[in-house]
Amino acid sequence: MSEGNKRGRPGLGRGLNALLGEMARETPVSADGAPAPQSSGVRMLPVSSLSPHPDQPRRHFDEAMLDELAASIASRGLIQPIVVRPHGHDYQI
């Protein structure tokens, strides 16, 4: 782009809100339709309180890949926390 074209060229304008308008904020709800509690960020939970989602499509895991993942977590820690949702008194992955 030449120097002449850079000078008088305006930016994109007022941003995406000008194009799309205000987006309605949805209130999260739990599986039973009740308002979901607001997230307070990262929390430590006991593994015993976690259960797999019954509709999880991944059912078979390569044992060698699981061992590699376990070794990576042991040496580096968990880089990205998992996301869970409340399910009764426990949590579902």
PDB file of N, CA and C in Angstrom:
ATOM      1  N   MET A   1       0.856  -1.161   0.000  1.00  0.00           N
ATOM      2  CA  MET A   1       0.000   0.000   0.000  1.00  0.00           C
ATOM      3  C   MET A   1       0.903   1.224   0.000  1.00  0.00           C
ATOM      4  N   SER A   2       0.586   2.200  -0.830  1.00  0.00           N
ATOM      5  CA  SER A   2       1.427   3.391  -0.897  1.00  0.00           C
ATOM      6  C   SER A   2       1.156   4.291   0.292  1.00  0.00           C
ATOM      7  N   GLU A   3       2.087   5.198   0.543  1.00  0.00           N
ATOM      8  CA  GLU A   3       1.960   6.120   1.675  1.00  0.00           C
ATOM      9  C   GLU A   3       0.730   7.006   1.518  1.00  0.00           C
ATOM     10  N   GLY A   4       0.387   7.361   0.293  1.00  0.00           N
ATOM     11  CA  GLY A   4      -0.770   8.213   0.048  1.00  0.00           C
ATOM     12  C   GLY A   4      -2.072   7.537   0.438  1.00  0.00           C
ATOM     13  N   ASN A   5      -2.179   6.253   0.237  1.00  0.00           N
ATOM     14  CA  ASN A   5      -3.400   5.525   0.582  1.00  0.00           C
ATOM     15  C   ASN A   5      -3.569   5.356   2.081  1.00  0.00           C
ATOM     16  N   LYS A   6      -2.489   5.350   2.836  1.00  0.00           N
ATOM     17  CA  LYS A   6      -2.561   5.126   4.281  1.00  0.00           C
ATOM     18  C   LYS A   6      -3.123   6.340   5.017  1.00  0.00           C
ATOM     19  N   ARG A   7      -2.847   7.547   4.510  1.00  0.00           N
ATOM     20  CA  ARG A   7      -3.160   8.762   5.260  1.00  0.00           C
ATOM     21  C   ARG A   7      -4.647   9.011   5.442  1.00  0.00           C
ATOM     22  N   GLY A   8      -5.406   9.168   4.411  1.00  0.00           N
ATOM     23  CA  GLY A   8      -6.776   9.614   4.546  1.00  0.00           C
ATOM     24  C   GLY A   8      -7.787   8.508   4.765  1.00  0.00           C
ATOM     25  N   ARG A   9      -7.345   7.306   4.896  1.00  0.00           N
ATOM     26  CA  ARG A   9      -8.256   6.171   4.991  1.00  0.00           C
ATOM     27  C   ARG A   9      -8.789   6.020   6.416  1.00  0.00           C
ATOM     28  N   PRO A  10     -10.103   6.089   6.597  1.00  0.00           N
ATOM     29  CA  PRO A  10     -10.651   5.936   7.947  1.00  0.00           C
ATOM     30  C   PRO A  10     -10.605   4.480   8.400  1.00  0.00           C
ATOM     31  N   GLY A  11     -10.772   4.270   9.704  1.00  0.00           N
ATOM     32  CA  GLY A  11     -10.834   2.921  10.255  1.00  0.00           C
ATOM     33  C   GLY A  11     -12.159   2.271   9.891  1.00  0.00           C
ATOM     34  N   LEU A  12     -12.457   1.182  10.526  1.00  0.00           N
ATOM     35  CA  LEU A  12     -13.677   0.449  10.213  1.00  0.00           C
ATOM     36  C   LEU A  12     -14.937   1.141  10.705  1.00  0.00           C
ATOM     37  N   GLY A  13     -14.823   2.095  11.541  1.00  0.00           N
ATOM     38  CA  GLY A  13     -16.016   2.790  11.999  1.00  0.00           C
ATOM     39  C   GLY A  13     -16.252   2.599  13.474  1.00  0.00           C
ATOM     40  N   ARG A  14     -17.494   2.360  13.824  1.00  0.00           N
ATOM     41  CA  ARG A  14     -17.887   2.325  15.230  1.00  0.00           C
ATOM     42  C   ARG A  14     -17.812   0.949  15.859  1.00  0.00           C
ATOM     43  N   GLY A  15     -17.388  -0.046  15.147  1.00  0.00           N
ATOM     44  CA  GLY A  15     -17.237  -1.377  15.724  1.00  0.00           C
ATOM     45  C   GLY A  15     -18.405  -2.291  15.407  1.00  0.00           C
ATOM     46  N   LEU A  16     -18.318  -3.504  15.901  1.00  0.00           N
ATOM     47  CA  LEU A  16     -19.340  -4.512  15.610  1.00  0.00           C
ATOM     48  C   LEU A  16     -20.690  -4.187  16.228  1.00  0.00           C
ATOM     49  N   ASN A  17     -20.699  -3.514  17.373  1.00  0.00           N
ATOM     50  CA  ASN A  17     -21.985  -3.174  17.989  1.00  0.00           C
ATOM     51  C   ASN A  17     -22.820  -2.294  17.073  1.00  0.00           C
ATOM     52  N   ALA A  18     -22.167  -1.429  16.292  1.00  0.00           N
ATOM     53  CA  ALA A  18     -22.901  -0.579  15.360  1.00  0.00           C
ATOM     54  C   ALA A  18     -23.552  -1.418  14.264  1.00  0.00           C
ATOM     55  N   LEU A  19     -22.909  -2.505  13.876  1.00  0.00           N
ATOM     56  CA  LEU A  19     -23.450  -3.362  12.824  1.00  0.00           C
ATOM     57  C   LEU A  19     -24.469  -4.359  13.348  1.00  0.00           C
ATOM     58  N   LEU A  20     -24.159  -4.966  14.477  1.00  0.00           N
ATOM     59  CA  LEU A  20     -24.979  -6.066  14.979  1.00  0.00           C
ATOM     60  C   LEU A  20     -25.959  -5.658  16.062  1.00  0.00           C
ATOM     61  N   GLY A  21     -25.740  -4.521  16.691  1.00  0.00           N
ATOM     62  CA  GLY A  21     -26.583  -4.112  17.798  1.00  0.00           C
ATOM     63  C   GLY A  21     -26.164  -4.812  19.078  1.00  0.00           C
ATOM     64  N   GLU A  22     -26.827  -4.481  20.155  1.00  0.00           N
ATOM     65  CA  GLU A  22     -26.522  -5.093  21.443  1.00  0.00           C
ATOM     66  C   GLU A  22     -27.018  -6.527  21.448  1.00  0.00           C
ATOM     67  N   MET A  23     -26.206  -7.408  21.956  1.00  0.00           N
ATOM     68  CA  MET A  23     -26.597  -8.807  22.045  1.00  0.00           C
ATOM     69  C   MET A  23     -27.237  -9.037  23.411  1.00  0.00           C
ATOM     70  N   ALA A  24     -28.337  -9.747  23.412  1.00  0.00           N
ATOM     71  CA  ALA A  24     -28.994 -10.071  24.676  1.00  0.00           C
ATOM     72  C   ALA A  24     -28.135 -11.059  25.444  1.00  0.00           C
ATOM     73  N   ARG A  25     -27.994 -10.841  26.719  1.00  0.00           N
ATOM     74  CA  ARG A  25     -27.239 -11.763  27.562  1.00  0.00           C
ATOM     75  C   ARG A  25     -28.200 -12.823  28.072  1.00  0.00           C
ATOM     76  N   GLU A  26     -27.838 -14.071  27.838  1.00  0.00           N
ATOM     77  CA  GLU A  26     -28.680 -15.167  28.288  1.00  0.00           C
ATOM     78  C   GLU A  26     -28.257 -15.598  29.681  1.00  0.00           C
ATOM     79  N   THR A  27     -29.227 -15.927  30.502  1.00  0.00           N
ATOM     80  CA  THR A  27     -28.946 -16.451  31.820  1.00  0.00           C
ATOM     81  C   THR A  27     -28.746 -17.949  31.694  1.00  0.00           C
ATOM     82  N   PRO A  28     -27.586 -18.479  32.112  1.00  0.00           N
ATOM     83  CA  PRO A  28     -27.374 -19.921  32.016  1.00  0.00           C
ATOM     84  C   PRO A  28     -28.390 -20.675  32.869  1.00  0.00           C
ATOM     85  N   VAL A  29     -28.841 -21.814  32.372  1.00  0.00           N
ATOM     86  CA  VAL A  29     -29.762 -22.653  33.131  1.00  0.00           C
ATOM     87  C   VAL A  29     -29.181 -24.048  33.248  1.00  0.00           C
ATOM     88  N   SER A  30     -29.560 -24.742  34.306  1.00  0.00           N
ATOM     89  CA  SER A  30     -29.093 -26.112  34.506  1.00  0.00           C
ATOM     90  C   SER A  30     -30.007 -27.057  33.736  1.00  0.00           C
ATOM     91  N   ALA A  31     -29.693 -28.334  33.763  1.00  0.00           N
ATOM     92  CA  ALA A  31     -30.455 -29.338  33.019  1.00  0.00           C
ATOM     93  C   ALA A  31     -31.919 -29.384  33.449  1.00  0.00           C
ATOM     94  N   ASP A  32     -32.206 -29.057  34.707  1.00  0.00           N
ATOM     95  CA  ASP A  32     -33.592 -29.101  35.173  1.00  0.00           C
ATOM     96  C   ASP A  32     -34.334 -27.793  34.932  1.00  0.00           C
ATOM     97  N   GLY A  33     -33.694 -26.827  34.255  1.00  0.00           N
ATOM     98  CA  GLY A  33     -34.341 -25.568  33.919  1.00  0.00           C
ATOM     99  C   GLY A  33     -34.158 -24.470  34.945  1.00  0.00           C
ATOM    100  N   ALA A  34     -33.585 -24.778  36.090  1.00  0.00           N
ATOM    101  CA  ALA A  34     -33.349 -23.762  37.116  1.00  0.00           C
ATOM    102  C   ALA A  34     -32.148 -22.912  36.716  1.00  0.00           C
ATOM    103  N   PRO A  35     -32.121 -21.645  37.122  1.00  0.00           N
ATOM    104  CA  PRO A  35     -30.949 -20.820  36.808  1.00  0.00           C
ATOM    105  C   PRO A  35     -29.682 -21.456  37.358  1.00  0.00           C
ATOM    106  N   ALA A  36     -28.664 -21.506  36.536  1.00  0.00           N
ATOM    107  CA  ALA A  36     -27.391 -22.099  36.956  1.00  0.00           C
ATOM    108  C   ALA A  36     -26.646 -21.121  37.849  1.00  0.00           C
ATOM    109  N   PRO A  37     -25.917 -21.630  38.832  1.00  0.00           N
ATOM    110  CA  PRO A  37     -25.134 -20.734  39.678  1.00  0.00           C
ATOM    111  C   PRO A  37     -24.050 -20.062  38.843  1.00  0.00           C
ATOM    112  N   GLN A  38     -23.742 -18.822  39.183  1.00  0.00           N
ATOM    113  CA  GLN A  38     -22.707 -18.096  38.462  1.00  0.00           C
ATOM    114  C   GLN A  38     -21.354 -18.710  38.749  1.00  0.00           C
ATOM    115  N   SER A  39     -20.541 -18.784  37.736  1.00  0.00           N
ATOM    116  CA  SER A  39     -19.208 -19.350  37.870  1.00  0.00           C
ATOM    117  C   SER A  39     -18.334 -18.415  38.681  1.00  0.00           C
ATOM    118  N   SER A  40     -17.511 -18.990  39.510  1.00  0.00           N
ATOM    119  CA  SER A  40     -16.576 -18.170  40.276  1.00  0.00           C
ATOM    120  C   SER A  40     -15.155 -18.441  39.823  1.00  0.00           C
ATOM    121  N   GLY A  41     -14.997 -18.897  38.591  1.00  0.00           N
ATOM    122  CA  GLY A  41     -13.664 -19.136  38.072  1.00  0.00           C
ATOM    123  C   GLY A  41     -13.228 -20.565  38.299  1.00  0.00           C
ATOM    124  N   VAL A  42     -11.942 -20.735  38.444  1.00  0.00           N
ATOM    125  CA  VAL A  42     -11.358 -22.066  38.593  1.00  0.00           C
ATOM    126  C   VAL A  42     -11.530 -22.546  40.027  1.00  0.00           C
ATOM    127  N   ARG A  43     -11.983 -23.779  40.166  1.00  0.00           N
ATOM    128  CA  ARG A  43     -12.108 -24.398  41.489  1.00  0.00           C
ATOM    129  C   ARG A  43     -11.485 -25.781  41.446  1.00  0.00           C
ATOM    130  N   MET A  44     -10.977 -26.202  42.560  1.00  0.00           N
ATOM    131  CA  MET A  44     -10.448 -27.559  42.689  1.00  0.00           C
ATOM    132  C   MET A  44     -11.590 -28.444  43.183  1.00  0.00           C
ATOM    133  N   LEU A  45     -11.813 -29.558  42.499  1.00  0.00           N
ATOM    134  CA  LEU A  45     -12.870 -30.491  42.874  1.00  0.00           C
ATOM    135  C   LEU A  45     -12.272 -31.872  43.055  1.00  0.00           C
ATOM    136  N   PRO A  46     -12.823 -32.657  43.981  1.00  0.00           N
ATOM    137  CA  PRO A  46     -12.331 -34.032  44.110  1.00  0.00           C
ATOM    138  C   PRO A  46     -12.736 -34.840  42.878  1.00  0.00           C
ATOM    139  N   VAL A  47     -11.846 -35.672  42.415  1.00  0.00           N
ATOM    140  CA  VAL A  47     -12.122 -36.502  41.239  1.00  0.00           C
ATOM    141  C   VAL A  47     -13.365 -37.356  41.474  1.00  0.00           C
ATOM    142  N   SER A  48     -13.598 -37.753  42.711  1.00  0.00           N
ATOM    143  CA  SER A  48     -14.758 -38.595  43.016  1.00  0.00           C
ATOM    144  C   SER A  48     -16.085 -37.877  42.756  1.00  0.00           C
ATOM    145  N   SER A  49     -16.076 -36.544  42.644  1.00  0.00           N
ATOM    146  CA  SER A  49     -17.314 -35.806  42.393  1.00  0.00           C
ATOM    147  C   SER A  49     -17.586 -35.620  40.901  1.00  0.00           C
ATOM    148  N   LEU A  50     -16.706 -36.152  40.036  1.00  0.00           N
ATOM    149  CA  LEU A  50     -16.854 -36.006  38.588  1.00  0.00           C
ATOM    150  C   LEU A  50     -17.412 -37.278  37.971  1.00  0.00           C
ATOM    151  N   SER A  51     -18.309 -37.097  37.011  1.00  0.00           N
ATOM    152  CA  SER A  51     -18.824 -38.249  36.267  1.00  0.00           C
ATOM    153  C   SER A  51     -18.880 -37.876  34.788  1.00  0.00           C
ATOM    154  N   PRO A  52     -18.708 -38.866  33.912  1.00  0.00           N
ATOM    155  CA  PRO A  52     -18.762 -38.567  32.477  1.00  0.00           C
ATOM    156  C   PRO A  52     -20.192 -38.297  32.027  1.00  0.00           C
ATOM    157  N   HIS A  53     -20.335 -37.476  31.017  1.00  0.00           N
ATOM    158  CA  HIS A  53     -21.652 -37.222  30.429  1.00  0.00           C
ATOM    159  C   HIS A  53     -22.074 -38.493  29.687  1.00  0.00           C
ATOM    160  N   PRO A  54     -23.301 -38.954  29.876  1.00  0.00           N
ATOM    161  CA  PRO A  54     -23.713 -40.213  29.244  1.00  0.00           C
ATOM    162  C   PRO A  54     -23.733 -40.157  27.716  1.00  0.00           C
ATOM    163  N   ASP A  55     -23.837 -38.969  27.131  1.00  0.00           N
ATOM    164  CA  ASP A  55     -23.863 -38.846  25.672  1.00  0.00           C
ATOM    165  C   ASP A  55     -22.492 -38.545  25.080  1.00  0.00           C
ATOM    166  N   GLN A  56     -21.447 -38.690  25.878  1.00  0.00           N
ATOM    167  CA  GLN A  56     -20.083 -38.467  25.390  1.00  0.00           C
ATOM    168  C   GLN A  56     -19.803 -39.454  24.259  1.00  0.00           C
ATOM    169  N   PRO A  57     -19.487 -38.950  23.057  1.00  0.00           N
ATOM    170  CA  PRO A  57     -19.275 -39.868  21.934  1.00  0.00           C
ATOM    171  C   PRO A  57     -17.962 -40.648  22.004  1.00  0.00           C
ATOM    172  N   ARG A  58     -16.967 -40.114  22.714  1.00  0.00           N
ATOM    173  CA  ARG A  58     -15.681 -40.825  22.806  1.00  0.00           C
ATOM    174  C   ARG A  58     -15.764 -41.864  23.910  1.00  0.00           C
ATOM    175  N   ARG A  59     -15.713 -43.119  23.532  1.00  0.00           N
ATOM    176  CA  ARG A  59     -15.847 -44.201  24.508  1.00  0.00           C
ATOM    177  C   ARG A  59     -14.613 -45.085  24.592  1.00  0.00           C
ATOM    178  N   HIS A  60     -13.833 -45.145  23.537  1.00  0.00           N
ATOM    179  CA  HIS A  60     -12.656 -46.011  23.500  1.00  0.00           C
ATOM    180  C   HIS A  60     -11.406 -45.151  23.419  1.00  0.00           C
ATOM    181  N   PHE A  61     -10.460 -45.420  24.303  1.00  0.00           N
ATOM    182  CA  PHE A  61      -9.246 -44.625  24.374  1.00  0.00           C
ATOM    183  C   PHE A  61      -8.035 -45.536  24.246  1.00  0.00           C
ATOM    184  N   ASP A  62      -7.070 -45.093  23.477  1.00  0.00           N
ATOM    185  CA  ASP A  62      -5.816 -45.814  23.290  1.00  0.00           C
ATOM    186  C   ASP A  62      -5.031 -45.754  24.602  1.00  0.00           C
ATOM    187  N   GLU A  63      -4.714 -46.900  25.154  1.00  0.00           N
ATOM    188  CA  GLU A  63      -4.019 -46.985  26.449  1.00  0.00           C
ATOM    189  C   GLU A  63      -2.676 -46.251  26.418  1.00  0.00           C
ATOM    190  N   ALA A  64      -1.930 -46.381  25.323  1.00  0.00           N
ATOM    191  CA  ALA A  64      -0.629 -45.709  25.210  1.00  0.00           C
ATOM    192  C   ALA A  64      -0.796 -44.191  25.209  1.00  0.00           C
ATOM    193  N   MET A  65      -1.832 -43.697  24.536  1.00  0.00           N
ATOM    194  CA  MET A  65      -2.083 -42.250  24.504  1.00  0.00           C
ATOM    195  C   MET A  65      -2.494 -41.737  25.889  1.00  0.00           C
ATOM    196  N   LEU A  66      -3.279 -42.534  26.624  1.00  0.00           N
ATOM    197  CA  LEU A  66      -3.654 -42.142  27.983  1.00  0.00           C
ATOM    198  C   LEU A  66      -2.433 -42.093  28.892  1.00  0.00           C
ATOM    199  N   ASP A  67      -1.534 -43.061  28.741  1.00  0.00           N
ATOM    200  CA  ASP A  67      -0.298 -43.061  29.530  1.00  0.00           C
ATOM    201  C   ASP A  67       0.546 -41.830  29.211  1.00  0.00           C
ATOM    202  N   GLU A  68       0.614 -41.476  27.931  1.00  0.00           N
ATOM    203  CA  GLU A  68       1.371 -40.289  27.518  1.00  0.00           C
ATOM    204  C   GLU A  68       0.750 -39.019  28.102  1.00  0.00           C
ATOM    205  N   LEU A  69      -0.579 -38.935  28.081  1.00  0.00           N
ATOM    206  CA  LEU A  69      -1.273 -37.787  28.661  1.00  0.00           C
ATOM    207  C   LEU A  69      -1.028 -37.709  30.162  1.00  0.00           C
ATOM    208  N   ALA A  70      -1.113 -38.831  30.852  1.00  0.00           N
ATOM    209  CA  ALA A  70      -0.877 -38.861  32.298  1.00  0.00           C
ATOM    210  C   ALA A  70       0.542 -38.415  32.625  1.00  0.00           C
ATOM    211  N   ALA A  71       1.520 -38.857  31.837  1.00  0.00           N
ATOM    212  CA  ALA A  71       2.912 -38.454  32.061  1.00  0.00           C
ATOM    213  C   ALA A  71       3.088 -36.959  31.826  1.00  0.00           C
ATOM    214  N   SER A  72       2.428 -36.424  30.808  1.00  0.00           N
ATOM    215  CA  SER A  72       2.503 -34.994  30.515  1.00  0.00           C
ATOM    216  C   SER A  72       1.903 -34.168  31.651  1.00  0.00           C
ATOM    217  N   ILE A  73       0.756 -34.588  32.156  1.00  0.00           N
ATOM    218  CA  ILE A  73       0.116 -33.871  33.266  1.00  0.00           C
ATOM    219  C   ILE A  73       0.976 -33.965  34.515  1.00  0.00           C
ATOM    220  N   ALA A  74       1.584 -35.128  34.753  1.00  0.00           N
ATOM    221  CA  ALA A  74       2.447 -35.297  35.929  1.00  0.00           C
ATOM    222  C   ALA A  74       3.670 -34.386  35.852  1.00  0.00           C
ATOM    223  N   SER A  75       4.238 -34.210  34.659  1.00  0.00           N
ATOM    224  CA  SER A  75       5.461 -33.405  34.549  1.00  0.00           C
ATOM    225  C   SER A  75       5.185 -31.914  34.385  1.00  0.00           C
ATOM    226  N   ARG A  76       4.128 -31.554  33.673  1.00  0.00           N
ATOM    227  CA  ARG A  76       3.865 -30.140  33.384  1.00  0.00           C
ATOM    228  C   ARG A  76       2.668 -29.576  34.129  1.00  0.00           C
ATOM    229  N   GLY A  77       1.839 -30.433  34.670  1.00  0.00           N
ATOM    230  CA  GLY A  77       0.598 -29.980  35.284  1.00  0.00           C
ATOM    231  C   GLY A  77      -0.493 -29.885  34.230  1.00  0.00           C
ATOM    232  N   LEU A  78      -1.680 -29.562  34.668  1.00  0.00           N
ATOM    233  CA  LEU A  78      -2.814 -29.416  33.758  1.00  0.00           C
ATOM    234  C   LEU A  78      -2.766 -28.007  33.195  1.00  0.00           C
ATOM    235  N   ILE A  79      -2.527 -27.881  31.905  1.00  0.00           N
ATOM    236  CA  ILE A  79      -2.344 -26.570  31.286  1.00  0.00           C
ATOM    237  C   ILE A  79      -3.673 -25.841  31.144  1.00  0.00           C
ATOM    238  N   GLN A  80      -4.710 -26.542  30.740  1.00  0.00           N
ATOM    239  CA  GLN A  80      -6.021 -25.929  30.569  1.00  0.00           C
ATOM    240  C   GLN A  80      -7.016 -26.695  31.429  1.00  0.00           C
ATOM    241  N   PRO A  81      -7.693 -26.007  32.359  1.00  0.00           N
ATOM    242  CA  PRO A  81      -8.650 -26.704  33.226  1.00  0.00           C
ATOM    243  C   PRO A  81      -9.801 -27.298  32.416  1.00  0.00           C
ATOM    244  N   ILE A  82     -10.389 -28.364  32.921  1.00  0.00           N
ATOM    245  CA  ILE A  82     -11.550 -28.947  32.254  1.00  0.00           C
ATOM    246  C   ILE A  82     -12.791 -28.153  32.651  1.00  0.00           C
ATOM    247  N   VAL A  83     -13.822 -28.252  31.844  1.00  0.00           N
ATOM    248  CA  VAL A  83     -15.079 -27.565  32.114  1.00  0.00           C
ATOM    249  C   VAL A  83     -16.076 -28.609  32.587  1.00  0.00           C
ATOM    250  N   VAL A  84     -16.729 -28.327  33.694  1.00  0.00           N
ATOM    251  CA  VAL A  84     -17.739 -29.231  34.234  1.00  0.00           C
ATOM    252  C   VAL A  84     -19.023 -28.450  34.464  1.00  0.00           C
ATOM    253  N   ARG A  85     -20.111 -29.189  34.652  1.00  0.00           N
ATOM    254  CA  ARG A  85     -21.371 -28.534  34.994  1.00  0.00           C
ATOM    255  C   ARG A  85     -21.968 -29.246  36.196  1.00  0.00           C
ATOM    256  N   PRO A  86     -22.712 -28.512  37.018  1.00  0.00           N
ATOM    257  CA  PRO A  86     -23.338 -29.148  38.177  1.00  0.00           C
ATOM    258  C   PRO A  86     -24.305 -30.236  37.727  1.00  0.00           C
ATOM    259  N   HIS A  87     -24.311 -31.330  38.468  1.00  0.00           N
ATOM    260  CA  HIS A  87     -25.213 -32.455  38.187  1.00  0.00           C
ATOM    261  C   HIS A  87     -25.598 -33.040  39.539  1.00  0.00           C
ATOM    262  N   GLY A  88     -26.742 -32.614  40.052  1.00  0.00           N
ATOM    263  CA  GLY A  88     -27.120 -33.015  41.409  1.00  0.00           C
ATOM    264  C   GLY A  88     -26.145 -32.408  42.398  1.00  0.00           C
ATOM    265  N   HIS A  89     -25.573 -33.247  43.263  1.00  0.00           N
ATOM    266  CA  HIS A  89     -24.580 -32.766  44.229  1.00  0.00           C
ATOM    267  C   HIS A  89     -23.163 -32.891  43.685  1.00  0.00           C
ATOM    268  N   ASP A  90     -23.017 -33.450  42.492  1.00  0.00           N
ATOM    269  CA  ASP A  90     -21.703 -33.655  41.885  1.00  0.00           C
ATOM    270  C   ASP A  90     -21.581 -32.824  40.614  1.00  0.00           C
ATOM    271  N   TYR A  91     -20.648 -33.223  39.755  1.00  0.00           N
ATOM    272  CA  TYR A  91     -20.393 -32.492  38.515  1.00  0.00           C
ATOM    273  C   TYR A  91     -20.247 -33.466  37.363  1.00  0.00           C
ATOM    274  N   GLN A  92     -20.636 -33.002  36.188  1.00  0.00           N
ATOM    275  CA  GLN A  92     -20.553 -33.814  34.983  1.00  0.00           C
ATOM    276  C   GLN A  92     -19.527 -33.188  34.041  1.00  0.00           C
ATOM    277  N   ILE A  93     -18.686 -34.033  33.465  1.00  0.00           N
ATOM    278  CA  ILE A  93     -17.662 -33.553  32.532  1.00  0.00           C
ATOM    279  C   ILE A  93     -18.307 -33.359  31.174  1.00  0.00           C
TER     280      ILE A  93
END
